[in-house]
Each structure stands twice: as C-alpha cells, then as structure tokens.
Amino acid sequence: MFLLVMKMTFKRRSKLLNSVESEVLQTGVKMYIQNGIVYAGELIEPIKVLAVRALNDYKLWLRFSDGEIKEFDFKPLLTETAFVPLQDNELFKSVYVDFGSAMWNDGEIDIAPEYLYHESISKTIET
C-alpha cells in the first residue's frame, strides 16, 4: 500500500514539474517548487546576520550573508516593550549571533535579520 502511494506521489510530482516547466516556457514567468508548492518568481535566499558588534550610542555593526556590511541605529527601538531591557548599555553590548539573528540575554531578546537589513545603512570598508 505504501509503495502505491509513493508511486502516485512521484507521478503527480512529475506531472506538476512538467506542467510548471511548460508554463515557464509559454509565459516566460520564472517559477520554482519548494516543499511541493509552486511559487512564481525567483527563489530568494533568506538574509542572515553572520557577525554583529555593539558600537557606541546604541548602534550595531552588522555583516550579512550576502556580504553587505551595515550599521543599525537601535535608539528608536529602545522604548518598544520588547527592547526596553536593552537600555542597559552592558546588556546591549552583549549582543551575539545565533541562528542568523542578533540576540541578547540567552535568546530572550532578538530582532529579525530582515528588519535589520532593510532598516540599516550600508557601510563601505575603509582601508
């Protein structure tokens, strides 16, 4: 019984792939399949924080998975309920990277890497 289900699933998946490939050729729209779901557009790798350092004046220096180096000003967020503990400068300076995100206090406080990426300012490397 299990083999029959596997064969049917494989046949359906092959039929779906052929259908998607045909659609791409006819319309020129790029598509991809992830976890059995068809998406229009191109697959974009999620952005991750690779390195972080606390700077003076509640700013963060960040290196992202696409190679970008940016600076994020955390001051405007320090009044938000989730980030009030970071008003303690020693706690703020204890920032570290875990699972591609900036974190504090053993993971109790974190911020989305996508938010950091889009709201930060690009920095050039000075030599």
N, C-alpha and C. Protein backbone atom coordinates (compact mmCIF):
# COMPACT_ATOMS: atom_id res chain seq x y z
N MET A 1 0.83 -1.19 0.00
CA MET A 1 0.00 0.00 0.00
C MET A 1 0.88 1.26 0.00
N PHE A 2 1.91 1.28 0.84
CA PHE A 2 2.79 2.45 0.94
C PHE A 2 3.49 2.70 -0.39
N LEU A 3 3.96 1.65 -1.06
CA LEU A 3 4.63 1.81 -2.35
C LEU A 3 3.70 2.40 -3.40
N LEU A 4 2.46 1.99 -3.38
CA LEU A 4 1.49 2.53 -4.33
C LEU A 4 1.32 4.04 -4.12
N VAL A 5 1.22 4.46 -2.87
CA VAL A 5 1.10 5.89 -2.56
C VAL A 5 2.34 6.63 -3.01
N MET A 6 3.53 6.07 -2.76
CA MET A 6 4.78 6.70 -3.18
C MET A 6 4.83 6.85 -4.70
N LYS A 7 4.41 5.80 -5.43
CA LYS A 7 4.40 5.86 -6.88
C LYS A 7 3.43 6.94 -7.37
N MET A 8 2.26 7.01 -6.76
CA MET A 8 1.27 8.02 -7.17
C MET A 8 1.83 9.41 -6.89
N THR A 9 2.45 9.58 -5.75
CA THR A 9 3.01 10.88 -5.40
C THR A 9 4.10 11.27 -6.39
N PHE A 10 4.95 10.32 -6.75
CA PHE A 10 6.01 10.59 -7.71
C PHE A 10 5.42 10.97 -9.07
N LYS A 11 4.40 10.24 -9.51
CA LYS A 11 3.75 10.54 -10.79
C LYS A 11 3.14 11.94 -10.76
N ARG A 12 2.46 12.25 -9.69
CA ARG A 12 1.84 13.58 -9.57
C ARG A 12 2.90 14.67 -9.55
N ARG A 13 3.97 14.42 -8.83
CA ARG A 13 5.05 15.40 -8.75
C ARG A 13 5.68 15.61 -10.13
N SER A 14 5.92 14.52 -10.85
CA SER A 14 6.49 14.62 -12.20
C SER A 14 5.56 15.40 -13.12
N LYS A 15 4.27 15.10 -13.02
CA LYS A 15 3.28 15.80 -13.85
C LYS A 15 3.28 17.29 -13.51
N LEU A 16 3.36 17.61 -12.23
CA LEU A 16 3.39 19.00 -11.79
C LEU A 16 4.64 19.70 -12.31
N LEU A 17 5.79 19.05 -12.20
CA LEU A 17 7.03 19.64 -12.70
C LEU A 17 6.95 19.90 -14.20
N ASN A 18 6.43 18.93 -14.95
CA ASN A 18 6.28 19.12 -16.39
C ASN A 18 5.34 20.28 -16.69
N SER A 19 4.27 20.38 -15.91
CA SER A 19 3.31 21.47 -16.10
C SER A 19 3.96 22.82 -15.82
N VAL A 20 4.74 22.90 -14.74
CA VAL A 20 5.42 24.14 -14.39
C VAL A 20 6.43 24.51 -15.46
N GLU A 21 7.22 23.53 -15.91
CA GLU A 21 8.20 23.80 -16.96
C GLU A 21 7.52 24.29 -18.23
N SER A 22 6.40 23.70 -18.59
CA SER A 22 5.65 24.12 -19.76
C SER A 22 5.14 25.55 -19.60
N GLU A 23 4.63 25.87 -18.42
CA GLU A 23 4.13 27.21 -18.13
C GLU A 23 5.24 28.24 -18.22
N VAL A 24 6.40 27.92 -17.71
CA VAL A 24 7.55 28.82 -17.77
C VAL A 24 7.93 29.09 -19.22
N LEU A 25 7.96 28.05 -20.03
CA LEU A 25 8.32 28.21 -21.44
C LEU A 25 7.29 29.06 -22.18
N GLN A 26 6.01 28.89 -21.87
CA GLN A 26 4.96 29.61 -22.58
C GLN A 26 4.86 31.07 -22.14
N THR A 27 5.00 31.34 -20.87
CA THR A 27 4.78 32.71 -20.36
C THR A 27 6.06 33.47 -20.08
N GLY A 28 7.17 32.77 -19.91
CA GLY A 28 8.42 33.44 -19.55
C GLY A 28 8.50 33.78 -18.07
N VAL A 29 7.46 33.45 -17.31
CA VAL A 29 7.45 33.72 -15.88
C VAL A 29 8.29 32.66 -15.18
N LYS A 30 9.20 33.10 -14.33
CA LYS A 30 10.03 32.14 -13.59
C LYS A 30 9.22 31.58 -12.43
N MET A 31 9.39 30.28 -12.22
CA MET A 31 8.68 29.61 -11.14
C MET A 31 9.63 28.61 -10.49
N TYR A 32 9.31 28.25 -9.25
CA TYR A 32 10.09 27.22 -8.57
C TYR A 32 9.18 26.45 -7.63
N ILE A 33 9.62 25.26 -7.28
CA ILE A 33 8.85 24.41 -6.37
C ILE A 33 9.66 24.21 -5.10
N GLN A 34 9.01 24.44 -3.98
CA GLN A 34 9.66 24.23 -2.69
C GLN A 34 8.68 23.52 -1.78
N ASN A 35 9.09 22.39 -1.25
CA ASN A 35 8.24 21.57 -0.38
C ASN A 35 6.91 21.23 -1.04
N GLY A 36 6.96 20.95 -2.35
CA GLY A 36 5.76 20.56 -3.07
C GLY A 36 4.82 21.70 -3.43
N ILE A 37 5.23 22.94 -3.19
CA ILE A 37 4.40 24.11 -3.51
C ILE A 37 5.06 24.89 -4.63
N VAL A 38 4.26 25.29 -5.62
CA VAL A 38 4.78 26.05 -6.76
C VAL A 38 4.67 27.54 -6.46
N TYR A 39 5.77 28.26 -6.65
CA TYR A 39 5.81 29.70 -6.43
C TYR A 39 6.20 30.41 -7.72
N ALA A 40 5.61 31.56 -7.97
CA ALA A 40 6.01 32.39 -9.11
C ALA A 40 7.16 33.29 -8.65
N GLY A 41 8.07 33.58 -9.56
CA GLY A 41 9.20 34.44 -9.22
C GLY A 41 10.46 33.60 -9.03
N GLU A 42 11.46 34.24 -8.50
CA GLU A 42 12.73 33.56 -8.27
C GLU A 42 12.90 33.26 -6.78
N LEU A 43 13.54 32.15 -6.50
CA LEU A 43 13.82 31.79 -5.12
C LEU A 43 14.87 32.74 -4.56
N ILE A 44 14.56 33.38 -3.47
CA ILE A 44 15.48 34.32 -2.83
C ILE A 44 15.93 33.70 -1.51
N GLU A 45 17.22 33.59 -1.35
CA GLU A 45 17.75 33.03 -0.11
C GLU A 45 17.47 33.99 1.04
N PRO A 46 17.06 33.46 2.18
CA PRO A 46 16.80 34.34 3.33
C PRO A 46 18.09 35.02 3.79
N ILE A 47 17.98 36.27 4.20
CA ILE A 47 19.13 37.03 4.68
C ILE A 47 19.42 36.61 6.12
N LYS A 48 20.70 36.48 6.44
CA LYS A 48 21.11 36.11 7.80
C LYS A 48 22.20 37.05 8.28
N VAL A 49 22.23 37.25 9.58
CA VAL A 49 23.32 38.00 10.20
C VAL A 49 24.45 37.01 10.43
N LEU A 50 25.65 37.35 9.92
CA LEU A 50 26.81 36.48 10.12
C LEU A 50 27.68 36.97 11.28
N ALA A 51 27.72 38.30 11.47
CA ALA A 51 28.53 38.88 12.54
C ALA A 51 27.87 40.16 13.03
N VAL A 52 28.05 40.44 14.32
CA VAL A 52 27.48 41.66 14.91
C VAL A 52 28.41 42.17 16.00
N ARG A 53 28.49 43.49 16.11
CA ARG A 53 29.24 44.14 17.19
C ARG A 53 28.44 45.34 17.67
N ALA A 54 28.41 45.54 18.96
CA ALA A 54 27.78 46.73 19.52
C ALA A 54 28.74 47.90 19.39
N LEU A 55 28.24 49.01 18.89
CA LEU A 55 29.03 50.24 18.77
C LEU A 55 28.55 51.24 19.81
N ASN A 56 29.21 52.38 19.88
CA ASN A 56 28.77 53.44 20.78
C ASN A 56 27.39 53.96 20.36
N ASP A 57 26.69 54.57 21.31
CA ASP A 57 25.42 55.25 21.06
C ASP A 57 24.34 54.29 20.54
N TYR A 58 24.31 53.07 21.04
CA TYR A 58 23.29 52.07 20.72
C TYR A 58 23.18 51.77 19.23
N LYS A 59 24.32 51.60 18.61
CA LYS A 59 24.35 51.21 17.20
C LYS A 59 24.96 49.83 17.09
N LEU A 60 24.59 49.13 16.01
CA LEU A 60 25.13 47.81 15.74
C LEU A 60 25.87 47.82 14.41
N TRP A 61 27.04 47.18 14.39
CA TRP A 61 27.76 46.90 13.15
C TRP A 61 27.36 45.49 12.77
N LEU A 62 26.95 45.29 11.49
CA LEU A 62 26.43 44.00 11.06
C LEU A 62 27.06 43.55 9.75
N ARG A 63 27.35 42.26 9.65
CA ARG A 63 27.75 41.66 8.38
C ARG A 63 26.67 40.62 8.05
N PHE A 64 26.14 40.71 6.81
CA PHE A 64 25.05 39.85 6.40
C PHE A 64 25.53 38.77 5.43
N SER A 65 24.68 37.77 5.23
CA SER A 65 25.02 36.62 4.41
C SER A 65 25.25 36.95 2.94
N ASP A 66 24.81 38.11 2.48
CA ASP A 66 25.07 38.50 1.09
C ASP A 66 26.35 39.31 0.95
N GLY A 67 27.11 39.46 2.06
CA GLY A 67 28.37 40.19 2.04
C GLY A 67 28.25 41.65 2.45
N GLU A 68 27.04 42.16 2.55
CA GLU A 68 26.84 43.57 2.94
C GLU A 68 27.29 43.81 4.37
N ILE A 69 27.89 44.96 4.59
CA ILE A 69 28.23 45.43 5.93
C ILE A 69 27.40 46.67 6.16
N LYS A 70 26.67 46.69 7.27
CA LYS A 70 25.75 47.79 7.54
C LYS A 70 25.81 48.21 9.00
N GLU A 71 25.24 49.38 9.26
CA GLU A 71 25.15 49.91 10.62
C GLU A 71 23.69 50.20 10.92
N PHE A 72 23.25 49.74 12.09
CA PHE A 72 21.85 49.91 12.50
C PHE A 72 21.79 50.74 13.77
N ASP A 73 20.96 51.78 13.76
CA ASP A 73 20.74 52.63 14.93
C ASP A 73 19.57 52.05 15.74
N PHE A 74 19.88 51.53 16.92
CA PHE A 74 18.87 50.87 17.74
C PHE A 74 18.09 51.84 18.62
N LYS A 75 18.57 53.09 18.78
CA LYS A 75 17.94 54.03 19.71
C LYS A 75 16.43 54.17 19.55
N PRO A 76 15.90 54.31 18.32
CA PRO A 76 14.45 54.47 18.19
C PRO A 76 13.64 53.28 18.71
N LEU A 77 14.24 52.11 18.80
CA LEU A 77 13.52 50.92 19.26
C LEU A 77 13.59 50.70 20.77
N LEU A 78 14.43 51.45 21.45
CA LEU A 78 14.66 51.20 22.88
C LEU A 78 13.44 51.48 23.76
N THR A 79 12.45 52.17 23.24
CA THR A 79 11.23 52.42 24.02
C THR A 79 10.16 51.37 23.75
N GLU A 80 10.40 50.50 22.76
CA GLU A 80 9.46 49.41 22.48
C GLU A 80 9.56 48.39 23.61
N THR A 81 8.44 47.86 24.04
CA THR A 81 8.37 46.97 25.20
C THR A 81 9.40 45.84 25.14
N ALA A 82 9.53 45.20 24.00
CA ALA A 82 10.45 44.05 23.89
C ALA A 82 11.91 44.45 24.05
N PHE A 83 12.22 45.72 23.75
CA PHE A 83 13.62 46.14 23.75
C PHE A 83 14.00 47.05 24.91
N VAL A 84 13.08 47.36 25.81
CA VAL A 84 13.38 48.22 26.97
C VAL A 84 14.57 47.70 27.77
N PRO A 85 14.72 46.37 27.98
CA PRO A 85 15.88 45.90 28.74
C PRO A 85 17.22 46.29 28.11
N LEU A 86 17.22 46.54 26.80
CA LEU A 86 18.47 46.90 26.11
C LEU A 86 18.92 48.33 26.40
N GLN A 87 18.11 49.08 27.15
CA GLN A 87 18.54 50.41 27.60
C GLN A 87 19.73 50.29 28.54
N ASP A 88 19.88 49.12 29.17
CA ASP A 88 21.06 48.82 29.96
C ASP A 88 22.21 48.60 28.97
N ASN A 89 23.14 49.54 28.94
CA ASN A 89 24.21 49.52 27.94
C ASN A 89 25.05 48.24 28.01
N GLU A 90 25.27 47.70 29.19
CA GLU A 90 26.03 46.45 29.31
C GLU A 90 25.30 45.29 28.64
N LEU A 91 23.98 45.23 28.82
CA LEU A 91 23.19 44.19 28.17
C LEU A 91 23.22 44.40 26.65
N PHE A 92 23.08 45.65 26.20
CA PHE A 92 23.11 45.93 24.77
C PHE A 92 24.43 45.47 24.15
N LYS A 93 25.53 45.71 24.86
CA LYS A 93 26.85 45.34 24.35
C LYS A 93 27.07 43.82 24.31
N SER A 94 26.21 43.05 24.95
CA SER A 94 26.37 41.59 24.98
C SER A 94 25.73 40.90 23.77
N VAL A 95 25.43 41.64 22.73
CA VAL A 95 24.79 41.10 21.53
C VAL A 95 25.65 39.99 20.91
N TYR A 96 25.00 38.98 20.37
CA TYR A 96 25.69 37.89 19.70
C TYR A 96 24.80 37.37 18.58
N VAL A 97 25.37 36.52 17.72
CA VAL A 97 24.63 35.93 16.61
C VAL A 97 24.30 34.48 16.93
N ASP A 98 23.04 34.11 16.70
CA ASP A 98 22.61 32.73 16.84
C ASP A 98 21.52 32.48 15.80
N PHE A 99 21.65 31.42 15.05
CA PHE A 99 20.68 31.06 14.01
C PHE A 99 20.44 32.20 13.02
N GLY A 100 21.47 32.98 12.72
CA GLY A 100 21.37 34.04 11.72
C GLY A 100 20.70 35.31 12.19
N SER A 101 20.48 35.45 13.50
CA SER A 101 19.83 36.64 14.07
C SER A 101 20.70 37.25 15.17
N ALA A 102 20.52 38.55 15.38
CA ALA A 102 21.17 39.22 16.51
C ALA A 102 20.33 38.94 17.75
N MET A 103 21.00 38.53 18.84
CA MET A 103 20.29 38.16 20.07
C MET A 103 20.98 38.70 21.30
N TRP A 104 20.20 38.78 22.36
CA TRP A 104 20.69 39.20 23.67
C TRP A 104 20.06 38.30 24.73
N ASN A 105 20.69 38.30 25.88
CA ASN A 105 20.11 37.69 27.08
C ASN A 105 19.70 36.22 26.85
N ASP A 106 20.63 35.42 26.37
CA ASP A 106 20.39 33.99 26.12
C ASP A 106 19.19 33.74 25.20
N GLY A 107 19.01 34.59 24.21
CA GLY A 107 17.95 34.40 23.23
C GLY A 107 16.59 34.94 23.63
N GLU A 108 16.49 35.57 24.81
CA GLU A 108 15.21 36.14 25.23
C GLU A 108 14.84 37.36 24.40
N ILE A 109 15.85 38.05 23.88
CA ILE A 109 15.62 39.23 23.05
C ILE A 109 16.30 39.01 21.72
N ASP A 110 15.55 39.20 20.64
CA ASP A 110 16.15 39.11 19.31
C ASP A 110 15.41 40.07 18.38
N ILE A 111 15.97 40.22 17.18
CA ILE A 111 15.36 41.09 16.18
C ILE A 111 15.55 40.43 14.82
N ALA A 112 14.55 40.52 13.99
CA ALA A 112 14.57 39.85 12.68
C ALA A 112 15.72 40.36 11.82
N PRO A 113 16.47 39.45 11.22
CA PRO A 113 17.58 39.87 10.36
C PRO A 113 17.10 40.68 9.15
N GLU A 114 15.90 40.37 8.65
CA GLU A 114 15.36 41.12 7.51
C GLU A 114 15.11 42.58 7.88
N TYR A 115 14.61 42.80 9.10
CA TYR A 115 14.37 44.17 9.57
C TYR A 115 15.70 44.92 9.69
N LEU A 116 16.67 44.28 10.30
CA LEU A 116 17.99 44.91 10.43
C LEU A 116 18.56 45.25 9.07
N TYR A 117 18.42 44.34 8.12
CA TYR A 117 18.98 44.53 6.79
C TYR A 117 18.34 45.73 6.08
N HIS A 118 17.02 45.79 6.11
CA HIS A 118 16.30 46.84 5.37
C HIS A 118 16.34 48.20 6.06
N GLU A 119 16.52 48.21 7.36
CA GLU A 119 16.49 49.49 8.10
C GLU A 119 17.86 50.01 8.46
N SER A 120 18.91 49.34 8.03
CA SER A 120 20.25 49.79 8.37
C SER A 120 20.90 50.50 7.19
N ILE A 121 22.01 51.14 7.47
CA ILE A 121 22.73 51.94 6.46
C ILE A 121 23.97 51.17 6.03
N SER A 122 24.16 51.08 4.71
CA SER A 122 25.35 50.39 4.18
C SER A 122 26.60 51.15 4.56
N LYS A 123 27.64 50.39 4.87
CA LYS A 123 28.94 50.96 5.20
C LYS A 123 29.97 50.41 4.23
N THR A 124 30.87 51.25 3.80
CA THR A 124 31.96 50.79 2.96
C THR A 124 33.13 50.43 3.86
N ILE A 125 33.91 49.49 3.41
CA ILE A 125 35.10 49.09 4.18
C ILE A 125 36.20 50.07 3.85
N GLU A 126 36.70 50.71 4.90
CA GLU A 126 37.79 51.68 4.72
C GLU A 126 39.13 50.99 4.89
N THR A 127 40.06 51.27 3.97
CA THR A 127 41.38 50.64 4.06
C THR A 127 42.43 51.66 4.39
